[in-house]
Amino acid sequence: MFEPTLLQGKRILITGGGTGLGASMARRFAELGARLVLCGRRPQMLDETAEALRSELRAQVDTIPCDVRDPAAVDAMMDDIWRTGPIDVLVNNAAATFIAQTEKLSSRAVDAVLGVTLHGAVYCTLGAGRRWIEGGHKGVVLSILSTSTRTGRAFTVPSSIAKSGLLAMTRSLGVEWGLKGIRTVAIEPGPFPTR
């Protein structure tokens, strides 16, 4: 369907890149020739995914453990990445959710979901965007939403709130940063199989 060199020369950062959808996207991007940077909170998962991509696809993959809930950690990660050159694409994939009756959620539970899913994506987007703008580099922010962004879903309300915030960020930055050559896009994948 796509040319095998479609992403040749592109450097892509995937948050939450060690497992699930992040790892699946990493595999496909590597098949299309991208150089990858995977970040996440669990170094072992990042390393396992990266090693599989290197050995099976001969992919160029770097890993950086990072808790995207921490703006200072995100800024340090971006500095580390930019030392060897800018990324071309940021994939805001890191997310947290759990199923619970909304009226029984604690503020800590809500903060846990919003911290990773919304705040983490905002910190990463600002970190990449600032550097792209300062360097005159064109880039793409791809944010992963869910179908509940539009439809709503019972028992996962904090996740729906966070994903709706990402949609608002995507639309707003599309207007503001589009003039600077930065595209912001979002997708809403439905259920998908993972290992």
N, C-alpha and C. Protein backbone atom coordinates (compact mmCIF):
# COMPACT_ATOMS: atom_id res chain seq x y z
N MET A 1 0.82 -1.19 0.00
CA MET A 1 0.00 0.00 0.00
C MET A 1 0.87 1.26 0.00
N PHE A 2 1.92 1.30 0.83
CA PHE A 2 2.82 2.44 0.87
C PHE A 2 4.17 2.02 0.31
N GLU A 3 4.88 2.98 -0.26
CA GLU A 3 6.25 2.72 -0.70
C GLU A 3 7.09 2.36 0.52
N PRO A 4 7.97 1.36 0.41
CA PRO A 4 8.76 0.94 1.57
C PRO A 4 9.70 2.03 2.09
N THR A 5 9.91 3.08 1.31
CA THR A 5 10.79 4.16 1.75
C THR A 5 10.01 5.43 2.11
N LEU A 6 8.72 5.31 2.33
CA LEU A 6 7.86 6.47 2.60
C LEU A 6 8.40 7.36 3.72
N LEU A 7 8.91 6.75 4.78
CA LEU A 7 9.37 7.52 5.93
C LEU A 7 10.89 7.57 6.05
N GLN A 8 11.57 7.20 4.97
CA GLN A 8 13.04 7.23 4.96
C GLN A 8 13.53 8.63 5.34
N GLY A 9 14.46 8.69 6.28
CA GLY A 9 15.03 9.97 6.69
C GLY A 9 14.20 10.71 7.72
N LYS A 10 13.03 10.20 8.07
CA LYS A 10 12.19 10.84 9.08
C LYS A 10 12.51 10.26 10.45
N ARG A 11 12.54 11.14 11.44
CA ARG A 11 12.81 10.73 12.81
C ARG A 11 11.52 10.94 13.61
N ILE A 12 11.04 9.88 14.24
CA ILE A 12 9.73 9.89 14.89
C ILE A 12 9.87 9.52 16.37
N LEU A 13 9.33 10.37 17.24
CA LEU A 13 9.27 10.10 18.67
C LEU A 13 7.88 9.58 19.00
N ILE A 14 7.82 8.41 19.63
CA ILE A 14 6.55 7.82 20.04
C ILE A 14 6.53 7.71 21.55
N THR A 15 5.61 8.44 22.20
CA THR A 15 5.46 8.30 23.64
C THR A 15 4.64 7.03 23.91
N GLY A 16 4.96 6.35 24.99
CA GLY A 16 4.30 5.07 25.24
C GLY A 16 4.64 4.08 24.14
N GLY A 17 5.88 4.14 23.65
CA GLY A 17 6.29 3.36 22.49
C GLY A 17 6.72 1.93 22.77
N GLY A 18 6.71 1.52 24.03
CA GLY A 18 7.21 0.19 24.36
C GLY A 18 6.19 -0.93 24.26
N THR A 19 4.91 -0.59 24.28
CA THR A 19 3.87 -1.63 24.29
C THR A 19 2.66 -1.18 23.48
N GLY A 20 1.74 -2.11 23.27
CA GLY A 20 0.44 -1.81 22.68
C GLY A 20 0.51 -1.10 21.35
N LEU A 21 -0.36 -0.12 21.19
CA LEU A 21 -0.44 0.62 19.94
C LEU A 21 0.87 1.32 19.62
N GLY A 22 1.55 1.85 20.63
CA GLY A 22 2.83 2.52 20.41
C GLY A 22 3.85 1.60 19.77
N ALA A 23 3.95 0.38 20.27
CA ALA A 23 4.89 -0.59 19.70
C ALA A 23 4.46 -1.01 18.30
N SER A 24 3.16 -1.14 18.08
CA SER A 24 2.66 -1.51 16.75
C SER A 24 2.95 -0.41 15.73
N MET A 25 2.74 0.84 16.12
CA MET A 25 3.06 1.95 15.22
C MET A 25 4.56 2.01 14.96
N ALA A 26 5.35 1.78 16.00
CA ALA A 26 6.81 1.79 15.83
C ALA A 26 7.23 0.77 14.78
N ARG A 27 6.65 -0.41 14.85
CA ARG A 27 6.98 -1.46 13.88
C ARG A 27 6.65 -1.01 12.45
N ARG A 28 5.46 -0.46 12.27
CA ARG A 28 5.07 -0.06 10.92
C ARG A 28 5.91 1.11 10.42
N PHE A 29 6.17 2.08 11.28
CA PHE A 29 7.01 3.20 10.87
C PHE A 29 8.41 2.72 10.51
N ALA A 30 8.94 1.76 11.26
CA ALA A 30 10.27 1.21 10.96
C ALA A 30 10.26 0.48 9.62
N GLU A 31 9.19 -0.26 9.35
CA GLU A 31 9.07 -0.95 8.05
C GLU A 31 9.10 0.04 6.89
N LEU A 32 8.65 1.26 7.14
CA LEU A 32 8.62 2.28 6.10
C LEU A 32 9.86 3.17 6.12
N GLY A 33 10.86 2.78 6.91
CA GLY A 33 12.16 3.45 6.86
C GLY A 33 12.42 4.53 7.88
N ALA A 34 11.52 4.75 8.83
CA ALA A 34 11.72 5.80 9.82
C ALA A 34 12.79 5.42 10.84
N ARG A 35 13.45 6.43 11.36
CA ARG A 35 14.32 6.28 12.53
C ARG A 35 13.45 6.61 13.74
N LEU A 36 13.53 5.80 14.78
CA LEU A 36 12.59 5.92 15.89
C LEU A 36 13.27 6.31 17.19
N VAL A 37 12.52 7.05 18.00
CA VAL A 37 12.85 7.28 19.40
C VAL A 37 11.61 6.85 20.18
N LEU A 38 11.77 5.88 21.06
CA LEU A 38 10.67 5.39 21.87
C LEU A 38 10.85 5.87 23.29
N CYS A 39 9.80 6.43 23.88
CA CYS A 39 9.89 6.81 25.29
C CYS A 39 8.74 6.18 26.05
N GLY A 40 8.97 6.01 27.33
CA GLY A 40 7.98 5.44 28.22
C GLY A 40 8.56 5.34 29.61
N ARG A 41 7.74 4.90 30.55
CA ARG A 41 8.19 4.83 31.95
C ARG A 41 8.91 3.53 32.28
N ARG A 42 8.76 2.51 31.43
CA ARG A 42 9.33 1.20 31.76
C ARG A 42 10.48 0.86 30.82
N PRO A 43 11.72 1.10 31.27
CA PRO A 43 12.89 0.88 30.41
C PRO A 43 12.96 -0.53 29.82
N GLN A 44 12.58 -1.54 30.59
CA GLN A 44 12.67 -2.91 30.10
C GLN A 44 11.77 -3.12 28.89
N MET A 45 10.55 -2.59 28.94
CA MET A 45 9.63 -2.74 27.81
C MET A 45 10.15 -1.99 26.58
N LEU A 46 10.69 -0.80 26.80
CA LEU A 46 11.26 -0.02 25.70
C LEU A 46 12.40 -0.80 25.04
N ASP A 47 13.28 -1.34 25.88
CA ASP A 47 14.45 -2.06 25.35
C ASP A 47 14.04 -3.32 24.60
N GLU A 48 13.05 -4.04 25.11
CA GLU A 48 12.58 -5.26 24.43
C GLU A 48 11.99 -4.92 23.06
N THR A 49 11.17 -3.89 23.02
CA THR A 49 10.56 -3.48 21.74
C THR A 49 11.63 -3.02 20.77
N ALA A 50 12.55 -2.19 21.25
CA ALA A 50 13.62 -1.67 20.39
C ALA A 50 14.49 -2.80 19.86
N GLU A 51 14.84 -3.74 20.71
CA GLU A 51 15.71 -4.84 20.28
C GLU A 51 15.01 -5.70 19.23
N ALA A 52 13.71 -5.94 19.41
CA ALA A 52 12.96 -6.72 18.41
C ALA A 52 12.96 -5.99 17.07
N LEU A 53 12.77 -4.69 17.08
CA LEU A 53 12.76 -3.92 15.83
C LEU A 53 14.13 -3.89 15.18
N ARG A 54 15.16 -3.81 16.00
CA ARG A 54 16.53 -3.81 15.45
C ARG A 54 16.86 -5.16 14.82
N SER A 55 16.53 -6.23 15.53
CA SER A 55 16.92 -7.56 15.04
C SER A 55 16.04 -8.03 13.88
N GLU A 56 14.75 -7.74 13.93
CA GLU A 56 13.85 -8.22 12.88
C GLU A 56 13.82 -7.33 11.65
N LEU A 57 13.98 -6.01 11.84
CA LEU A 57 13.83 -5.07 10.73
C LEU A 57 15.09 -4.26 10.44
N ARG A 58 16.12 -4.48 11.26
CA ARG A 58 17.34 -3.68 11.16
C ARG A 58 17.03 -2.19 11.30
N ALA A 59 16.07 -1.89 12.16
CA ALA A 59 15.61 -0.51 12.36
C ALA A 59 16.58 0.26 13.23
N GLN A 60 16.61 1.57 13.01
CA GLN A 60 17.36 2.48 13.88
C GLN A 60 16.41 2.95 14.97
N VAL A 61 16.66 2.49 16.19
CA VAL A 61 15.75 2.79 17.30
C VAL A 61 16.55 3.22 18.52
N ASP A 62 16.19 4.36 19.07
CA ASP A 62 16.73 4.82 20.35
C ASP A 62 15.61 4.76 21.37
N THR A 63 15.97 4.58 22.63
CA THR A 63 14.98 4.58 23.71
C THR A 63 15.39 5.61 24.76
N ILE A 64 14.39 6.23 25.34
CA ILE A 64 14.62 7.18 26.43
C ILE A 64 13.54 6.97 27.48
N PRO A 65 13.90 6.44 28.65
CA PRO A 65 12.91 6.36 29.71
C PRO A 65 12.49 7.78 30.13
N CYS A 66 11.20 8.01 30.20
CA CYS A 66 10.71 9.34 30.57
C CYS A 66 9.29 9.22 31.09
N ASP A 67 9.03 9.89 32.19
CA ASP A 67 7.67 10.00 32.71
C ASP A 67 7.10 11.31 32.17
N VAL A 68 6.24 11.22 31.19
CA VAL A 68 5.73 12.42 30.52
C VAL A 68 4.87 13.29 31.42
N ARG A 69 4.52 12.80 32.59
CA ARG A 69 3.77 13.63 33.55
C ARG A 69 4.64 14.72 34.15
N ASP A 70 5.94 14.59 34.02
CA ASP A 70 6.91 15.51 34.62
C ASP A 70 7.45 16.46 33.56
N PRO A 71 7.05 17.74 33.58
CA PRO A 71 7.49 18.65 32.53
C PRO A 71 9.01 18.82 32.46
N ALA A 72 9.68 18.77 33.60
CA ALA A 72 11.15 18.89 33.59
C ALA A 72 11.77 17.67 32.92
N ALA A 73 11.21 16.49 33.16
CA ALA A 73 11.73 15.26 32.52
C ALA A 73 11.49 15.31 31.02
N VAL A 74 10.35 15.83 30.60
CA VAL A 74 10.06 15.95 29.17
C VAL A 74 11.03 16.92 28.52
N ASP A 75 11.29 18.05 29.17
CA ASP A 75 12.22 19.03 28.61
C ASP A 75 13.62 18.44 28.49
N ALA A 76 14.05 17.69 29.51
CA ALA A 76 15.36 17.04 29.46
C ALA A 76 15.41 16.01 28.34
N MET A 77 14.32 15.26 28.16
CA MET A 77 14.26 14.28 27.08
C MET A 77 14.38 14.98 25.73
N MET A 78 13.66 16.06 25.54
CA MET A 78 13.72 16.78 24.27
C MET A 78 15.13 17.32 24.02
N ASP A 79 15.77 17.86 25.06
CA ASP A 79 17.16 18.32 24.91
C ASP A 79 18.05 17.18 24.47
N ASP A 80 17.88 16.03 25.10
CA ASP A 80 18.69 14.85 24.78
C ASP A 80 18.48 14.43 23.32
N ILE A 81 17.24 14.39 22.89
CA ILE A 81 16.92 14.01 21.51
C ILE A 81 17.52 15.01 20.53
N TRP A 82 17.34 16.29 20.79
CA TRP A 82 17.77 17.33 19.86
C TRP A 82 19.29 17.42 19.74
N ARG A 83 20.02 16.84 20.70
CA ARG A 83 21.49 16.85 20.59
C ARG A 83 21.97 16.17 19.31
N THR A 84 21.20 15.21 18.84
CA THR A 84 21.58 14.51 17.60
C THR A 84 20.69 14.91 16.43
N GLY A 85 19.89 15.94 16.62
CA GLY A 85 19.04 16.44 15.54
C GLY A 85 17.58 16.41 15.92
N PRO A 86 16.77 17.19 15.22
CA PRO A 86 15.34 17.28 15.55
C PRO A 86 14.58 16.02 15.14
N ILE A 87 13.45 15.86 15.77
CA ILE A 87 12.50 14.86 15.28
C ILE A 87 11.66 15.52 14.20
N ASP A 88 11.05 14.72 13.37
CA ASP A 88 10.14 15.22 12.34
C ASP A 88 8.69 15.04 12.75
N VAL A 89 8.46 14.02 13.58
CA VAL A 89 7.09 13.68 13.99
C VAL A 89 7.10 13.34 15.48
N LEU A 90 6.12 13.88 16.20
CA LEU A 90 5.85 13.49 17.58
C LEU A 90 4.53 12.74 17.58
N VAL A 91 4.53 11.53 18.14
CA VAL A 91 3.29 10.77 18.30
C VAL A 91 2.93 10.77 19.78
N ASN A 92 1.86 11.48 20.13
CA ASN A 92 1.36 11.51 21.50
C ASN A 92 0.49 10.28 21.71
N ASN A 93 1.12 9.21 22.15
CA ASN A 93 0.43 7.94 22.32
C ASN A 93 0.29 7.53 23.79
N ALA A 94 1.19 7.99 24.65
CA ALA A 94 1.15 7.58 26.07
C ALA A 94 -0.22 7.90 26.65
N ALA A 95 -0.78 6.94 27.37
CA ALA A 95 -2.11 7.12 27.94
C ALA A 95 -2.29 6.23 29.15
N ALA A 96 -3.21 6.63 29.99
CA ALA A 96 -3.58 5.82 31.15
C ALA A 96 -5.10 5.82 31.22
N THR A 97 -5.65 4.71 31.62
CA THR A 97 -7.09 4.64 31.83
C THR A 97 -7.40 3.44 32.70
N PHE A 98 -8.55 3.42 33.25
CA PHE A 98 -9.07 2.24 33.94
C PHE A 98 -10.58 2.37 33.97
N ILE A 99 -11.22 1.26 34.18
CA ILE A 99 -12.68 1.23 34.20
C ILE A 99 -13.15 1.35 35.64
N ALA A 100 -14.00 2.34 35.89
CA ALA A 100 -14.52 2.55 37.24
C ALA A 100 -15.80 3.37 37.17
N GLN A 101 -16.65 3.19 38.17
CA GLN A 101 -17.83 4.02 38.27
C GLN A 101 -17.37 5.45 38.58
N THR A 102 -17.81 6.38 37.78
CA THR A 102 -17.30 7.75 37.86
C THR A 102 -17.51 8.36 39.24
N GLU A 103 -18.65 8.14 39.84
CA GLU A 103 -18.92 8.75 41.14
C GLU A 103 -18.03 8.21 42.25
N LYS A 104 -17.35 7.10 41.98
CA LYS A 104 -16.46 6.52 42.99
C LYS A 104 -14.99 6.87 42.76
N LEU A 105 -14.70 7.65 41.72
CA LEU A 105 -13.32 8.02 41.43
C LEU A 105 -12.78 9.00 42.46
N SER A 106 -11.56 8.79 42.87
CA SER A 106 -10.89 9.75 43.74
C SER A 106 -10.21 10.81 42.87
N SER A 107 -9.87 11.92 43.47
CA SER A 107 -9.14 12.95 42.73
C SER A 107 -7.79 12.42 42.27
N ARG A 108 -7.21 11.54 43.06
CA ARG A 108 -5.92 10.94 42.68
C ARG A 108 -6.06 10.10 41.41
N ALA A 109 -7.15 9.36 41.31
CA ALA A 109 -7.40 8.54 40.11
C ALA A 109 -7.58 9.42 38.88
N VAL A 110 -8.34 10.49 39.03
CA VAL A 110 -8.54 11.42 37.91
C VAL A 110 -7.21 12.03 37.50
N ASP A 111 -6.43 12.48 38.47
CA ASP A 111 -5.13 13.09 38.18
C ASP A 111 -4.19 12.11 37.48
N ALA A 112 -4.26 10.83 37.85
CA ALA A 112 -3.39 9.83 37.23
C ALA A 112 -3.65 9.73 35.73
N VAL A 113 -4.92 9.74 35.36
CA VAL A 113 -5.28 9.63 33.94
C VAL A 113 -4.96 10.93 33.20
N LEU A 114 -5.38 12.06 33.75
CA LEU A 114 -5.13 13.34 33.09
C LEU A 114 -3.63 13.63 33.01
N GLY A 115 -2.88 13.23 34.03
CA GLY A 115 -1.44 13.49 34.05
C GLY A 115 -0.71 12.87 32.88
N VAL A 116 -0.99 11.62 32.61
CA VAL A 116 -0.31 10.94 31.49
C VAL A 116 -0.93 11.34 30.16
N THR A 117 -2.23 11.19 30.06
CA THR A 117 -2.91 11.31 28.77
C THR A 117 -2.99 12.74 28.25
N LEU A 118 -3.33 13.68 29.10
CA LEU A 118 -3.48 15.07 28.65
C LEU A 118 -2.23 15.90 28.92
N HIS A 119 -1.84 15.99 30.18
CA HIS A 119 -0.69 16.84 30.52
C HIS A 119 0.58 16.36 29.84
N GLY A 120 0.80 15.05 29.82
CA GLY A 120 2.00 14.52 29.17
C GLY A 120 2.05 14.88 27.70
N ALA A 121 0.92 14.78 27.02
CA ALA A 121 0.87 15.12 25.59
C ALA A 121 1.11 16.62 25.39
N VAL A 122 0.56 17.43 26.27
CA VAL A 122 0.77 18.88 26.16
C VAL A 122 2.24 19.21 26.37
N TYR A 123 2.87 18.62 27.40
CA TYR A 123 4.29 18.90 27.66
C TYR A 123 5.15 18.48 26.47
N CYS A 124 4.87 17.31 25.91
CA CYS A 124 5.66 16.84 24.77
C CYS A 124 5.43 17.72 23.54
N THR A 125 4.20 18.11 23.31
CA THR A 125 3.88 18.96 22.16
C THR A 125 4.57 20.31 22.29
N LEU A 126 4.50 20.91 23.46
CA LEU A 126 5.17 22.19 23.67
C LEU A 126 6.68 22.05 23.53
N GLY A 127 7.23 20.96 24.07
CA GLY A 127 8.67 20.74 23.98
C GLY A 127 9.15 20.61 22.54
N ALA A 128 8.44 19.84 21.75
CA ALA A 128 8.82 19.69 20.33
C ALA A 128 8.51 20.96 19.56
N GLY A 129 7.33 21.53 19.78
CA GLY A 129 6.91 22.71 19.04
C GLY A 129 7.84 23.89 19.22
N ARG A 130 8.24 24.15 20.46
CA ARG A 130 9.17 25.26 20.72
C ARG A 130 10.46 25.08 19.94
N ARG A 131 10.97 23.87 19.96
CA ARG A 131 12.24 23.60 19.28
C ARG A 131 12.09 23.68 17.76
N TRP A 132 10.98 23.19 17.24
CA TRP A 132 10.73 23.31 15.80
C TRP A 132 10.67 24.78 15.39
N ILE A 133 9.93 25.56 16.15
CA ILE A 133 9.77 26.97 15.82
C ILE A 133 11.10 27.71 15.91
N GLU A 134 11.85 27.47 17.00
CA GLU A 134 13.15 28.12 17.16
C GLU A 134 14.11 27.76 16.04
N GLY A 135 14.04 26.51 15.57
CA GLY A 135 14.96 26.05 14.52
C GLY A 135 14.42 26.21 13.11
N GLY A 136 13.21 26.74 12.97
CA GLY A 136 12.61 26.87 11.64
C GLY A 136 12.34 25.53 10.99
N HIS A 137 12.08 24.52 11.80
CA HIS A 137 11.87 23.15 11.31
C HIS A 137 10.37 22.88 11.21
N LYS A 138 9.95 22.26 10.14
CA LYS A 138 8.55 21.85 10.00
C LYS A 138 8.39 20.49 10.68
N GLY A 139 7.29 20.30 11.37
CA GLY A 139 7.07 19.04 12.06
C GLY A 139 5.61 18.66 12.06
N VAL A 140 5.36 17.47 12.57
CA VAL A 140 3.99 16.94 12.66
C VAL A 140 3.77 16.42 14.07
N VAL A 141 2.64 16.78 14.65
CA VAL A 141 2.20 16.21 15.92
C VAL A 141 0.99 15.33 15.61
N LEU A 142 1.12 14.04 15.92
CA LEU A 142 0.02 13.09 15.76
C LEU A 142 -0.43 12.68 17.15
N SER A 143 -1.64 13.04 17.52
CA SER A 143 -2.18 12.68 18.83
C SER A 143 -3.19 11.55 18.67
N ILE A 144 -3.07 10.57 19.56
CA ILE A 144 -3.95 9.41 19.53
C ILE A 144 -5.14 9.67 20.45
N LEU A 145 -6.32 9.71 19.86
CA LEU A 145 -7.56 9.90 20.60
C LEU A 145 -8.23 8.54 20.76
N SER A 146 -9.50 8.55 21.09
CA SER A 146 -10.29 7.32 21.11
C SER A 146 -11.68 7.66 20.61
N THR A 147 -12.43 6.64 20.28
CA THR A 147 -13.78 6.90 19.78
C THR A 147 -14.64 7.58 20.84
N SER A 148 -14.29 7.43 22.11
CA SER A 148 -15.06 8.08 23.17
C SER A 148 -14.88 9.60 23.16
N THR A 149 -13.90 10.09 22.41
CA THR A 149 -13.72 11.53 22.29
C THR A 149 -14.98 12.17 21.72
N ARG A 150 -15.59 11.51 20.76
CA ARG A 150 -16.80 12.04 20.13
C ARG A 150 -18.07 11.48 20.74
N THR A 151 -18.05 10.22 21.11
CA THR A 151 -19.29 9.56 21.50
C THR A 151 -19.52 9.52 23.00
N GLY A 152 -18.46 9.66 23.78
CA GLY A 152 -18.57 9.45 25.21
C GLY A 152 -18.57 7.96 25.52
N ARG A 153 -18.19 7.62 26.73
CA ARG A 153 -18.19 6.21 27.12
C ARG A 153 -18.31 6.15 28.65
N ALA A 154 -19.21 5.33 29.11
CA ALA A 154 -19.38 5.15 30.54
C ALA A 154 -18.16 4.48 31.16
N PHE A 155 -17.87 4.83 32.38
CA PHE A 155 -16.85 4.19 33.22
C PHE A 155 -15.41 4.50 32.82
N THR A 156 -15.20 5.35 31.82
CA THR A 156 -13.84 5.80 31.46
C THR A 156 -13.84 7.32 31.26
N VAL A 157 -14.58 8.01 32.10
CA VAL A 157 -14.78 9.46 31.93
C VAL A 157 -13.47 10.26 31.95
N PRO A 158 -12.54 10.02 32.89
CA PRO A 158 -11.30 10.80 32.85
C PRO A 158 -10.54 10.64 31.53
N SER A 159 -10.55 9.46 30.97
CA SER A 159 -9.89 9.24 29.69
C SER A 159 -10.58 10.02 28.58
N SER A 160 -11.91 10.02 28.58
CA SER A 160 -12.66 10.78 27.57
C SER A 160 -12.39 12.27 27.70
N ILE A 161 -12.30 12.76 28.92
CA ILE A 161 -11.98 14.17 29.16
C ILE A 161 -10.60 14.49 28.60
N ALA A 162 -9.63 13.64 28.91
CA ALA A 162 -8.25 13.88 28.46
C ALA A 162 -8.16 13.86 26.94
N LYS A 163 -8.78 12.88 26.32
CA LYS A 163 -8.72 12.77 24.86
C LYS A 163 -9.44 13.94 24.19
N SER A 164 -10.52 14.41 24.80
CA SER A 164 -11.21 15.59 24.26
C SER A 164 -10.31 16.82 24.34
N GLY A 165 -9.54 16.92 25.41
CA GLY A 165 -8.56 18.01 25.53
C GLY A 165 -7.51 17.94 24.44
N LEU A 166 -7.07 16.72 24.11
CA LEU A 166 -6.10 16.56 23.02
C LEU A 166 -6.69 16.99 21.68
N LEU A 167 -7.96 16.70 21.48
CA LEU A 167 -8.60 17.13 20.24
C LEU A 167 -8.63 18.66 20.16
N ALA A 168 -8.97 19.32 21.27
CA ALA A 168 -8.98 20.78 21.30
C ALA A 168 -7.59 21.34 21.04
N MET A 169 -6.56 20.73 21.64
CA MET A 169 -5.19 21.16 21.40
C MET A 169 -4.83 21.00 19.93
N THR A 170 -5.20 19.87 19.35
CA THR A 170 -4.89 19.60 17.94
C THR A 170 -5.51 20.66 17.04
N ARG A 171 -6.77 20.96 17.26
CA ARG A 171 -7.46 21.96 16.43
C ARG A 171 -6.87 23.36 16.63
N SER A 172 -6.64 23.73 17.88
CA SER A 172 -6.15 25.07 18.18
C SER A 172 -4.73 25.28 17.65
N LEU A 173 -3.86 24.31 17.86
CA LEU A 173 -2.48 24.44 17.36
C LEU A 173 -2.43 24.34 15.84
N GLY A 174 -3.38 23.64 15.25
CA GLY A 174 -3.44 23.60 13.79
C GLY A 174 -3.62 24.99 13.22
N VAL A 175 -4.42 25.80 13.89
CA VAL A 175 -4.64 27.18 13.47
C VAL A 175 -3.39 28.02 13.77
N GLU A 176 -2.86 27.89 14.99
CA GLU A 176 -1.74 28.73 15.41
C GLU A 176 -0.41 28.33 14.78
N TRP A 177 -0.07 27.06 14.83
CA TRP A 177 1.24 26.61 14.35
C TRP A 177 1.24 26.22 12.88
N GLY A 178 0.07 26.03 12.29
CA GLY A 178 0.02 25.68 10.87
C GLY A 178 0.72 26.71 10.01
N LEU A 179 0.62 27.96 10.39
CA LEU A 179 1.28 29.04 9.66
C LEU A 179 2.80 28.95 9.75
N LYS A 180 3.29 28.17 10.71
CA LYS A 180 4.74 28.01 10.90
C LYS A 180 5.24 26.69 10.32
N GLY A 181 4.36 26.00 9.60
CA GLY A 181 4.76 24.75 8.97
C GLY A 181 4.66 23.53 9.86
N ILE A 182 3.94 23.67 10.97
CA ILE A 182 3.75 22.53 11.89
C ILE A 182 2.31 22.05 11.76
N ARG A 183 2.17 20.77 11.39
CA ARG A 183 0.84 20.18 11.25
C ARG A 183 0.48 19.44 12.52
N THR A 184 -0.75 19.59 12.96
CA THR A 184 -1.24 18.84 14.12
C THR A 184 -2.45 18.03 13.66
N VAL A 185 -2.36 16.74 13.86
CA VAL A 185 -3.42 15.83 13.42
C VAL A 185 -3.72 14.85 14.54
N ALA A 186 -4.88 14.24 14.47
CA ALA A 186 -5.28 13.26 15.48
C ALA A 186 -6.05 12.14 14.81
N ILE A 187 -5.94 10.96 15.37
CA ILE A 187 -6.72 9.81 14.90
C ILE A 187 -7.44 9.19 16.09
N GLU A 188 -8.53 8.51 15.80
CA GLU A 188 -9.35 7.84 16.81
C GLU A 188 -9.42 6.35 16.50
N PRO A 189 -8.38 5.59 16.84
CA PRO A 189 -8.47 4.15 16.55
C PRO A 189 -9.51 3.48 17.44
N GLY A 190 -10.18 2.52 16.89
CA GLY A 190 -11.09 1.71 17.68
C GLY A 190 -10.31 0.60 18.37
N PRO A 191 -10.99 -0.44 18.82
CA PRO A 191 -10.29 -1.56 19.46
C PRO A 191 -9.32 -2.22 18.49
N PHE A 192 -8.21 -2.69 19.01
CA PHE A 192 -7.20 -3.33 18.18
C PHE A 192 -6.51 -4.40 19.01
N PRO A 193 -6.02 -5.45 18.35
CA PRO A 193 -5.33 -6.51 19.08
C PRO A 193 -3.89 -6.09 19.40
N THR A 194 -3.42 -6.45 20.57
CA THR A 194 -2.01 -6.23 20.94
C THR A 194 -1.50 -7.48 21.62
N ARG A 195 -0.18 -7.55 21.73
CA ARG A 195 0.42 -8.68 22.44
C ARG A 195 0.55 -8.37 23.90
